[in-house]
Amino acid sequence: MSATLEKLLVMAHKNMGLEDGKIDPQATFTELGLDSLSLVDFLFSVEDEYRIDIEEKRAMVQPTLTGLAALVDELVASKTPVSA
């Protein structure tokens, strides 16, 4: 499990009131009980934590915490300058 996914699981537990240890990272956001408003709130929290901008459409391509973790990693990597 990636560090990003682990952090998202902790954030989901704290921000969404989902029971710790019972969050399936492969479950869709809908299966986790998120409606569109709570999903947007969660994405804002993730954006603040990682200092990135997440397009909701991109987050919904793979609408799971695992998919979101991969997207966050991609966005973080794309904003980090590569040393020569």
PDB file of N, CA and C in Angstrom:
ATOM      1  N   MET A   1       0.855  -1.173   0.000  1.00  0.00           N
ATOM      2  CA  MET A   1       0.000   0.000   0.000  1.00  0.00           C
ATOM      3  C   MET A   1       0.901   1.238   0.000  1.00  0.00           C
ATOM      4  N   SER A   2       0.575   2.173  -0.872  1.00  0.00           N
ATOM      5  CA  SER A   2       1.396   3.379  -0.984  1.00  0.00           C
ATOM      6  C   SER A   2       1.157   4.302   0.210  1.00  0.00           C
ATOM      7  N   ALA A   3       2.128   5.163   0.456  1.00  0.00           N
ATOM      8  CA  ALA A   3       2.005   6.144   1.539  1.00  0.00           C
ATOM      9  C   ALA A   3       0.830   7.088   1.265  1.00  0.00           C
ATOM     10  N   THR A   4       0.624   7.415  -0.001  1.00  0.00           N
ATOM     11  CA  THR A   4      -0.490   8.303  -0.357  1.00  0.00           C
ATOM     12  C   THR A   4      -1.818   7.642  -0.032  1.00  0.00           C
ATOM     13  N   LEU A   5      -1.966   6.385  -0.396  1.00  0.00           N
ATOM     14  CA  LEU A   5      -3.209   5.675  -0.108  1.00  0.00           C
ATOM     15  C   LEU A   5      -3.428   5.580   1.396  1.00  0.00           C
ATOM     16  N   GLU A   6      -2.381   5.296   2.147  1.00  0.00           N
ATOM     17  CA  GLU A   6      -2.509   5.229   3.600  1.00  0.00           C
ATOM     18  C   GLU A   6      -2.993   6.562   4.167  1.00  0.00           C
ATOM     19  N   LYS A   7      -2.434   7.661   3.657  1.00  0.00           N
ATOM     20  CA  LYS A   7      -2.836   8.981   4.128  1.00  0.00           C
ATOM     21  C   LYS A   7      -4.292   9.276   3.747  1.00  0.00           C
ATOM     22  N   LEU A   8      -4.692   8.901   2.537  1.00  0.00           N
ATOM     23  CA  LEU A   8      -6.081   9.105   2.113  1.00  0.00           C
ATOM     24  C   LEU A   8      -7.049   8.297   2.970  1.00  0.00           C
ATOM     25  N   LEU A   9      -6.655   7.108   3.371  1.00  0.00           N
ATOM     26  CA  LEU A   9      -7.502   6.293   4.244  1.00  0.00           C
ATOM     27  C   LEU A   9      -7.689   6.977   5.597  1.00  0.00           C
ATOM     28  N   VAL A  10      -6.622   7.546   6.132  1.00  0.00           N
ATOM     29  CA  VAL A  10      -6.708   8.281   7.401  1.00  0.00           C
ATOM     30  C   VAL A  10      -7.604   9.505   7.230  1.00  0.00           C
ATOM     31  N   MET A  11      -7.422  10.220   6.117  1.00  0.00           N
ATOM     32  CA  MET A  11      -8.243  11.398   5.852  1.00  0.00           C
ATOM     33  C   MET A  11      -9.714  11.012   5.703  1.00  0.00           C
ATOM     34  N   ALA A  12      -9.981   9.899   5.034  1.00  0.00           N
ATOM     35  CA  ALA A  12     -11.361   9.441   4.861  1.00  0.00           C
ATOM     36  C   ALA A  12     -11.980   9.123   6.212  1.00  0.00           C
ATOM     37  N   HIS A  13     -11.201   8.498   7.053  1.00  0.00           N
ATOM     38  CA  HIS A  13     -11.689   8.170   8.395  1.00  0.00           C
ATOM     39  C   HIS A  13     -12.045   9.448   9.161  1.00  0.00           C
ATOM     40  N   LYS A  14     -11.146  10.430   9.137  1.00  0.00           N
ATOM     41  CA  LYS A  14     -11.354  11.670   9.892  1.00  0.00           C
ATOM     42  C   LYS A  14     -12.410  12.574   9.261  1.00  0.00           C
ATOM     43  N   ASN A  15     -12.332  12.765   7.951  1.00  0.00           N
ATOM     44  CA  ASN A  15     -13.195  13.744   7.281  1.00  0.00           C
ATOM     45  C   ASN A  15     -14.585  13.230   6.963  1.00  0.00           C
ATOM     46  N   MET A  16     -14.713  11.952   6.717  1.00  0.00           N
ATOM     47  CA  MET A  16     -15.996  11.419   6.286  1.00  0.00           C
ATOM     48  C   MET A  16     -16.678  10.591   7.354  1.00  0.00           C
ATOM     49  N   GLY A  17     -16.018  10.416   8.469  1.00  0.00           N
ATOM     50  CA  GLY A  17     -16.625   9.638   9.534  1.00  0.00           C
ATOM     51  C   GLY A  17     -16.714   8.154   9.228  1.00  0.00           C
ATOM     52  N   LEU A  18     -15.931   7.702   8.264  1.00  0.00           N
ATOM     53  CA  LEU A  18     -15.932   6.276   7.946  1.00  0.00           C
ATOM     54  C   LEU A  18     -15.117   5.533   8.994  1.00  0.00           C
ATOM     55  N   GLU A  19     -15.564   4.364   9.343  1.00  0.00           N
ATOM     56  CA  GLU A  19     -14.925   3.608  10.409  1.00  0.00           C
ATOM     57  C   GLU A  19     -13.513   3.191  10.023  1.00  0.00           C
ATOM     58  N   ASP A  20     -12.568   3.499  10.893  1.00  0.00           N
ATOM     59  CA  ASP A  20     -11.160   3.186  10.656  1.00  0.00           C
ATOM     60  C   ASP A  20     -10.981   1.678  10.530  1.00  0.00           C
ATOM     61  N   GLY A  21     -10.209   1.257   9.558  1.00  0.00           N
ATOM     62  CA  GLY A  21      -9.942  -0.156   9.356  1.00  0.00           C
ATOM     63  C   GLY A  21     -11.007  -0.887   8.569  1.00  0.00           C
ATOM     64  N   LYS A  22     -12.121  -0.214   8.304  1.00  0.00           N
ATOM     65  CA  LYS A  22     -13.210  -0.862   7.569  1.00  0.00           C
ATOM     66  C   LYS A  22     -13.436  -0.190   6.222  1.00  0.00           C
ATOM     67  N   ILE A  23     -12.479   0.603   5.797  1.00  0.00           N
ATOM     68  CA  ILE A  23     -12.614   1.298   4.527  1.00  0.00           C
ATOM     69  C   ILE A  23     -11.925   0.461   3.459  1.00  0.00           C
ATOM     70  N   ASP A  24     -12.684   0.040   2.476  1.00  0.00           N
ATOM     71  CA  ASP A  24     -12.136  -0.722   1.358  1.00  0.00           C
ATOM     72  C   ASP A  24     -11.608   0.269   0.328  1.00  0.00           C
ATOM     73  N   PRO A  25     -10.300   0.317   0.111  1.00  0.00           N
ATOM     74  CA  PRO A  25      -9.741   1.282  -0.828  1.00  0.00           C
ATOM     75  C   PRO A  25     -10.159   1.041  -2.277  1.00  0.00           C
ATOM     76  N   GLN A  26     -10.731  -0.136  -2.549  1.00  0.00           N
ATOM     77  CA  GLN A  26     -11.211  -0.454  -3.899  1.00  0.00           C
ATOM     78  C   GLN A  26     -12.698  -0.139  -4.075  1.00  0.00           C
ATOM     79  N   ALA A  27     -13.376   0.215  -2.984  1.00  0.00           N
ATOM     80  CA  ALA A  27     -14.808   0.549  -3.066  1.00  0.00           C
ATOM     81  C   ALA A  27     -14.959   1.900  -3.755  1.00  0.00           C
ATOM     82  N   THR A  28     -16.015   2.027  -4.529  1.00  0.00           N
ATOM     83  CA  THR A  28     -16.259   3.311  -5.187  1.00  0.00           C
ATOM     84  C   THR A  28     -16.674   4.337  -4.136  1.00  0.00           C
ATOM     85  N   PHE A  29     -16.548   5.604  -4.502  1.00  0.00           N
ATOM     86  CA  PHE A  29     -16.954   6.667  -3.586  1.00  0.00           C
ATOM     87  C   PHE A  29     -18.425   6.509  -3.204  1.00  0.00           C
ATOM     88  N   THR A  30     -19.250   6.095  -4.152  1.00  0.00           N
ATOM     89  CA  THR A  30     -20.671   5.879  -3.881  1.00  0.00           C
ATOM     90  C   THR A  30     -20.851   4.749  -2.872  1.00  0.00           C
ATOM     91  N   GLU A  31     -20.097   3.672  -3.048  1.00  0.00           N
ATOM     92  CA  GLU A  31     -20.178   2.550  -2.112  1.00  0.00           C
ATOM     93  C   GLU A  31     -19.728   2.953  -0.706  1.00  0.00           C
ATOM     94  N   LEU A  32     -18.840   3.943  -0.631  1.00  0.00           N
ATOM     95  CA  LEU A  32     -18.394   4.448   0.669  1.00  0.00           C
ATOM     96  C   LEU A  32     -19.413   5.401   1.284  1.00  0.00           C
ATOM     97  N   GLY A  33     -20.458   5.709   0.536  1.00  0.00           N
ATOM     98  CA  GLY A  33     -21.518   6.557   1.053  1.00  0.00           C
ATOM     99  C   GLY A  33     -21.344   8.034   0.772  1.00  0.00           C
ATOM    100  N   LEU A  34     -20.460   8.359  -0.161  1.00  0.00           N
ATOM    101  CA  LEU A  34     -20.234   9.769  -0.486  1.00  0.00           C
ATOM    102  C   LEU A  34     -21.209  10.226  -1.559  1.00  0.00           C
ATOM    103  N   ASP A  35     -21.864  11.343  -1.301  1.00  0.00           N
ATOM    104  CA  ASP A  35     -22.661  11.968  -2.351  1.00  0.00           C
ATOM    105  C   ASP A  35     -21.759  13.010  -3.024  1.00  0.00           C
ATOM    106  N   SER A  36     -22.279  13.712  -4.009  1.00  0.00           N
ATOM    107  CA  SER A  36     -21.429  14.636  -4.765  1.00  0.00           C
ATOM    108  C   SER A  36     -20.872  15.753  -3.884  1.00  0.00           C
ATOM    109  N   LEU A  37     -21.653  16.245  -2.930  1.00  0.00           N
ATOM    110  CA  LEU A  37     -21.183  17.319  -2.058  1.00  0.00           C
ATOM    111  C   LEU A  37     -20.079  16.836  -1.117  1.00  0.00           C
ATOM    112  N   SER A  38     -20.270  15.689  -0.515  1.00  0.00           N
ATOM    113  CA  SER A  38     -19.238  15.182   0.403  1.00  0.00           C
ATOM    114  C   SER A  38     -17.976  14.797  -0.357  1.00  0.00           C
ATOM    115  N   LEU A  39     -18.123  14.336  -1.597  1.00  0.00           N
ATOM    116  CA  LEU A  39     -16.947  14.029  -2.407  1.00  0.00           C
ATOM    117  C   LEU A  39     -16.164  15.299  -2.711  1.00  0.00           C
ATOM    118  N   VAL A  40     -16.854  16.361  -3.097  1.00  0.00           N
ATOM    119  CA  VAL A  40     -16.173  17.633  -3.385  1.00  0.00           C
ATOM    120  C   VAL A  40     -15.462  18.134  -2.133  1.00  0.00           C
ATOM    121  N   ASP A  41     -16.106  18.044  -0.983  1.00  0.00           N
ATOM    122  CA  ASP A  41     -15.469  18.458   0.274  1.00  0.00           C
ATOM    123  C   ASP A  41     -14.206  17.647   0.541  1.00  0.00           C
ATOM    124  N   PHE A  42     -14.300  16.338   0.303  1.00  0.00           N
ATOM    125  CA  PHE A  42     -13.135  15.482   0.515  1.00  0.00           C
ATOM    126  C   PHE A  42     -12.013  15.842  -0.455  1.00  0.00           C
ATOM    127  N   LEU A  43     -12.361  16.071  -1.718  1.00  0.00           N
ATOM    128  CA  LEU A  43     -11.345  16.446  -2.706  1.00  0.00           C
ATOM    129  C   LEU A  43     -10.679  17.768  -2.328  1.00  0.00           C
ATOM    130  N   PHE A  44     -11.444  18.719  -1.792  1.00  0.00           N
ATOM    131  CA  PHE A  44     -10.855  19.979  -1.325  1.00  0.00           C
ATOM    132  C   PHE A  44      -9.835  19.716  -0.220  1.00  0.00           C
ATOM    133  N   SER A  45     -10.161  18.802   0.685  1.00  0.00           N
ATOM    134  CA  SER A  45      -9.236  18.457   1.765  1.00  0.00           C
ATOM    135  C   SER A  45      -7.952  17.849   1.211  1.00  0.00           C
ATOM    136  N   VAL A  46      -8.107  16.988   0.222  1.00  0.00           N
ATOM    137  CA  VAL A  46      -6.936  16.353  -0.397  1.00  0.00           C
ATOM    138  C   VAL A  46      -6.095  17.415  -1.117  1.00  0.00           C
ATOM    139  N   GLU A  47      -6.761  18.314  -1.823  1.00  0.00           N
ATOM    140  CA  GLU A  47      -6.042  19.393  -2.510  1.00  0.00           C
ATOM    141  C   GLU A  47      -5.255  20.231  -1.521  1.00  0.00           C
ATOM    142  N   ASP A  48      -5.872  20.576  -0.416  1.00  0.00           N
ATOM    143  CA  ASP A  48      -5.181  21.371   0.604  1.00  0.00           C
ATOM    144  C   ASP A  48      -3.986  20.625   1.185  1.00  0.00           C
ATOM    145  N   GLU A  49      -4.175  19.356   1.449  1.00  0.00           N
ATOM    146  CA  GLU A  49      -3.108  18.540   2.042  1.00  0.00           C
ATOM    147  C   GLU A  49      -1.893  18.430   1.121  1.00  0.00           C
ATOM    148  N   TYR A  50      -2.158  18.228  -0.163  1.00  0.00           N
ATOM    149  CA  TYR A  50      -1.061  17.993  -1.115  1.00  0.00           C
ATOM    150  C   TYR A  50      -0.702  19.217  -1.955  1.00  0.00           C
ATOM    151  N   ARG A  51      -1.444  20.303  -1.770  1.00  0.00           N
ATOM    152  CA  ARG A  51      -1.211  21.543  -2.519  1.00  0.00           C
ATOM    153  C   ARG A  51      -1.251  21.300  -4.035  1.00  0.00           C
ATOM    154  N   ILE A  52      -2.352  20.662  -4.445  1.00  0.00           N
ATOM    155  CA  ILE A  52      -2.576  20.356  -5.855  1.00  0.00           C
ATOM    156  C   ILE A  52      -4.004  20.743  -6.218  1.00  0.00           C
ATOM    157  N   ASP A  53      -4.303  20.744  -7.506  1.00  0.00           N
ATOM    158  CA  ASP A  53      -5.660  20.961  -8.001  1.00  0.00           C
ATOM    159  C   ASP A  53      -6.142  19.670  -8.649  1.00  0.00           C
ATOM    160  N   ILE A  54      -7.284  19.182  -8.196  1.00  0.00           N
ATOM    161  CA  ILE A  54      -7.846  17.943  -8.727  1.00  0.00           C
ATOM    162  C   ILE A  54      -9.127  18.280  -9.478  1.00  0.00           C
ATOM    163  N   GLU A  55      -9.165  17.910 -10.747  1.00  0.00           N
ATOM    164  CA  GLU A  55     -10.396  18.063 -11.516  1.00  0.00           C
ATOM    165  C   GLU A  55     -11.320  16.903 -11.143  1.00  0.00           C
ATOM    166  N   GLU A  56     -12.563  17.236 -10.810  1.00  0.00           N
ATOM    167  CA  GLU A  56     -13.502  16.198 -10.382  1.00  0.00           C
ATOM    168  C   GLU A  56     -13.668  15.122 -11.458  1.00  0.00           C
ATOM    169  N   LYS A  57     -13.655  15.538 -12.729  1.00  0.00           N
ATOM    170  CA  LYS A  57     -13.784  14.547 -13.816  1.00  0.00           C
ATOM    171  C   LYS A  57     -12.652  13.526 -13.771  1.00  0.00           C
ATOM    172  N   ARG A  58     -11.432  14.002 -13.502  1.00  0.00           N
ATOM    173  CA  ARG A  58     -10.293  13.078 -13.433  1.00  0.00           C
ATOM    174  C   ARG A  58     -10.408  12.155 -12.233  1.00  0.00           C
ATOM    175  N   ALA A  59     -10.922  12.673 -11.124  1.00  0.00           N
ATOM    176  CA  ALA A  59     -11.079  11.854  -9.923  1.00  0.00           C
ATOM    177  C   ALA A  59     -12.121  10.764 -10.143  1.00  0.00           C
ATOM    178  N   MET A  60     -13.063  11.023 -11.050  1.00  0.00           N
ATOM    179  CA  MET A  60     -14.140  10.069 -11.289  1.00  0.00           C
ATOM    180  C   MET A  60     -13.794   9.024 -12.357  1.00  0.00           C
ATOM    181  N   VAL A  61     -12.638   9.147 -12.983  1.00  0.00           N
ATOM    182  CA  VAL A  61     -12.220   8.138 -13.961  1.00  0.00           C
ATOM    183  C   VAL A  61     -12.047   6.796 -13.252  1.00  0.00           C
ATOM    184  N   GLN A  62     -11.442   6.830 -12.096  1.00  0.00           N
ATOM    185  CA  GLN A  62     -11.266   5.642 -11.266  1.00  0.00           C
ATOM    186  C   GLN A  62     -11.734   6.041  -9.865  1.00  0.00           C
ATOM    187  N   PRO A  63     -13.056   6.032  -9.615  1.00  0.00           N
ATOM    188  CA  PRO A  63     -13.635   6.627  -8.411  1.00  0.00           C
ATOM    189  C   PRO A  63     -13.488   5.795  -7.138  1.00  0.00           C
ATOM    190  N   THR A  64     -12.241   5.499  -6.796  1.00  0.00           N
ATOM    191  CA  THR A  64     -11.933   4.778  -5.570  1.00  0.00           C
ATOM    192  C   THR A  64     -10.789   5.510  -4.874  1.00  0.00           C
ATOM    193  N   LEU A  65     -10.549   5.182  -3.623  1.00  0.00           N
ATOM    194  CA  LEU A  65      -9.406   5.786  -2.932  1.00  0.00           C
ATOM    195  C   LEU A  65      -8.093   5.339  -3.567  1.00  0.00           C
ATOM    196  N   THR A  66      -8.050   4.120  -4.064  1.00  0.00           N
ATOM    197  CA  THR A  66      -6.855   3.645  -4.759  1.00  0.00           C
ATOM    198  C   THR A  66      -6.612   4.470  -6.017  1.00  0.00           C
ATOM    199  N   GLY A  67      -7.662   4.715  -6.784  1.00  0.00           N
ATOM    200  CA  GLY A  67      -7.543   5.533  -7.988  1.00  0.00           C
ATOM    201  C   GLY A  67      -7.171   6.962  -7.663  1.00  0.00           C
ATOM    202  N   LEU A  68      -7.756   7.502  -6.596  1.00  0.00           N
ATOM    203  CA  LEU A  68      -7.437   8.867  -6.187  1.00  0.00           C
ATOM    204  C   LEU A  68      -5.985   8.970  -5.740  1.00  0.00           C
ATOM    205  N   ALA A  69      -5.492   7.965  -5.049  1.00  0.00           N
ATOM    206  CA  ALA A  69      -4.093   7.966  -4.610  1.00  0.00           C
ATOM    207  C   ALA A  69      -3.155   8.006  -5.820  1.00  0.00           C
ATOM    208  N   ALA A  70      -3.471   7.234  -6.852  1.00  0.00           N
ATOM    209  CA  ALA A  70      -2.651   7.239  -8.070  1.00  0.00           C
ATOM    210  C   ALA A  70      -2.694   8.612  -8.736  1.00  0.00           C
ATOM    211  N   LEU A  71      -3.870   9.235  -8.773  1.00  0.00           N
ATOM    212  CA  LEU A  71      -4.006  10.561  -9.365  1.00  0.00           C
ATOM    213  C   LEU A  71      -3.227  11.589  -8.556  1.00  0.00           C
ATOM    214  N   VAL A  72      -3.325  11.520  -7.242  1.00  0.00           N
ATOM    215  CA  VAL A  72      -2.580  12.453  -6.382  1.00  0.00           C
ATOM    216  C   VAL A  72      -1.083  12.289  -6.628  1.00  0.00           C
ATOM    217  N   ASP A  73      -0.606  11.061  -6.667  1.00  0.00           N
ATOM    218  CA  ASP A  73       0.821  10.829  -6.932  1.00  0.00           C
ATOM    219  C   ASP A  73       1.237  11.419  -8.271  1.00  0.00           C
ATOM    220  N   GLU A  74       0.397  11.243  -9.280  1.00  0.00           N
ATOM    221  CA  GLU A  74       0.687  11.785 -10.611  1.00  0.00           C
ATOM    222  C   GLU A  74       0.745  13.313 -10.577  1.00  0.00           C
ATOM    223  N   LEU A  75      -0.216  13.939  -9.920  1.00  0.00           N
ATOM    224  CA  LEU A  75      -0.258  15.398  -9.862  1.00  0.00           C
ATOM    225  C   LEU A  75       0.897  15.970  -9.048  1.00  0.00           C
ATOM    226  N   VAL A  76       1.231  15.310  -7.963  1.00  0.00           N
ATOM    227  CA  VAL A  76       2.370  15.762  -7.148  1.00  0.00           C
ATOM    228  C   VAL A  76       3.662  15.644  -7.946  1.00  0.00           C
ATOM    229  N   ALA A  77       3.835  14.532  -8.645  1.00  0.00           N
ATOM    230  CA  ALA A  77       5.044  14.330  -9.440  1.00  0.00           C
ATOM    231  C   ALA A  77       5.144  15.349 -10.575  1.00  0.00           C
ATOM    232  N   SER A  78       4.017  15.712 -11.159  1.00  0.00           N
ATOM    233  CA  SER A  78       4.060  16.648 -12.290  1.00  0.00           C
ATOM    234  C   SER A  78       4.357  18.076 -11.851  1.00  0.00           C
ATOM    235  N   LYS A  79       4.155  18.401 -10.596  1.00  0.00           N
ATOM    236  CA  LYS A  79       4.451  19.762 -10.133  1.00  0.00           C
ATOM    237  C   LYS A  79       5.838  19.870  -9.516  1.00  0.00           C
ATOM    238  N   THR A  80       6.486  18.726  -9.291  1.00  0.00           N
ATOM    239  CA  THR A  80       7.818  18.723  -8.699  1.00  0.00           C
ATOM    240  C   THR A  80       8.861  18.839  -9.799  1.00  0.00           C
ATOM    241  N   PRO A  81       9.704  19.893  -9.750  1.00  0.00           N
ATOM    242  CA  PRO A  81      10.731  20.026 -10.770  1.00  0.00           C
ATOM    243  C   PRO A  81      11.748  18.888 -10.686  1.00  0.00           C
ATOM    244  N   VAL A  82      12.160  18.414 -11.832  1.00  0.00           N
ATOM    245  CA  VAL A  82      13.147  17.344 -11.904  1.00  0.00           C
ATOM    246  C   VAL A  82      14.530  17.978 -11.902  1.00  0.00           C
ATOM    247  N   SER A  83      15.409  17.486 -11.035  1.00  0.00           N
ATOM    248  CA  SER A  83      16.781  18.016 -10.973  1.00  0.00           C
ATOM    249  C   SER A  83      17.580  17.502 -12.157  1.00  0.00           C
ATOM    250  N   ALA A  84      18.424  18.377 -12.677  1.00  0.00           N
ATOM    251  CA  ALA A  84      19.247  17.991 -13.833  1.00  0.00           C
ATOM    252  C   ALA A  84      20.493  17.297 -13.413  1.00  0.00           C
TER     253      ALA A  84
END
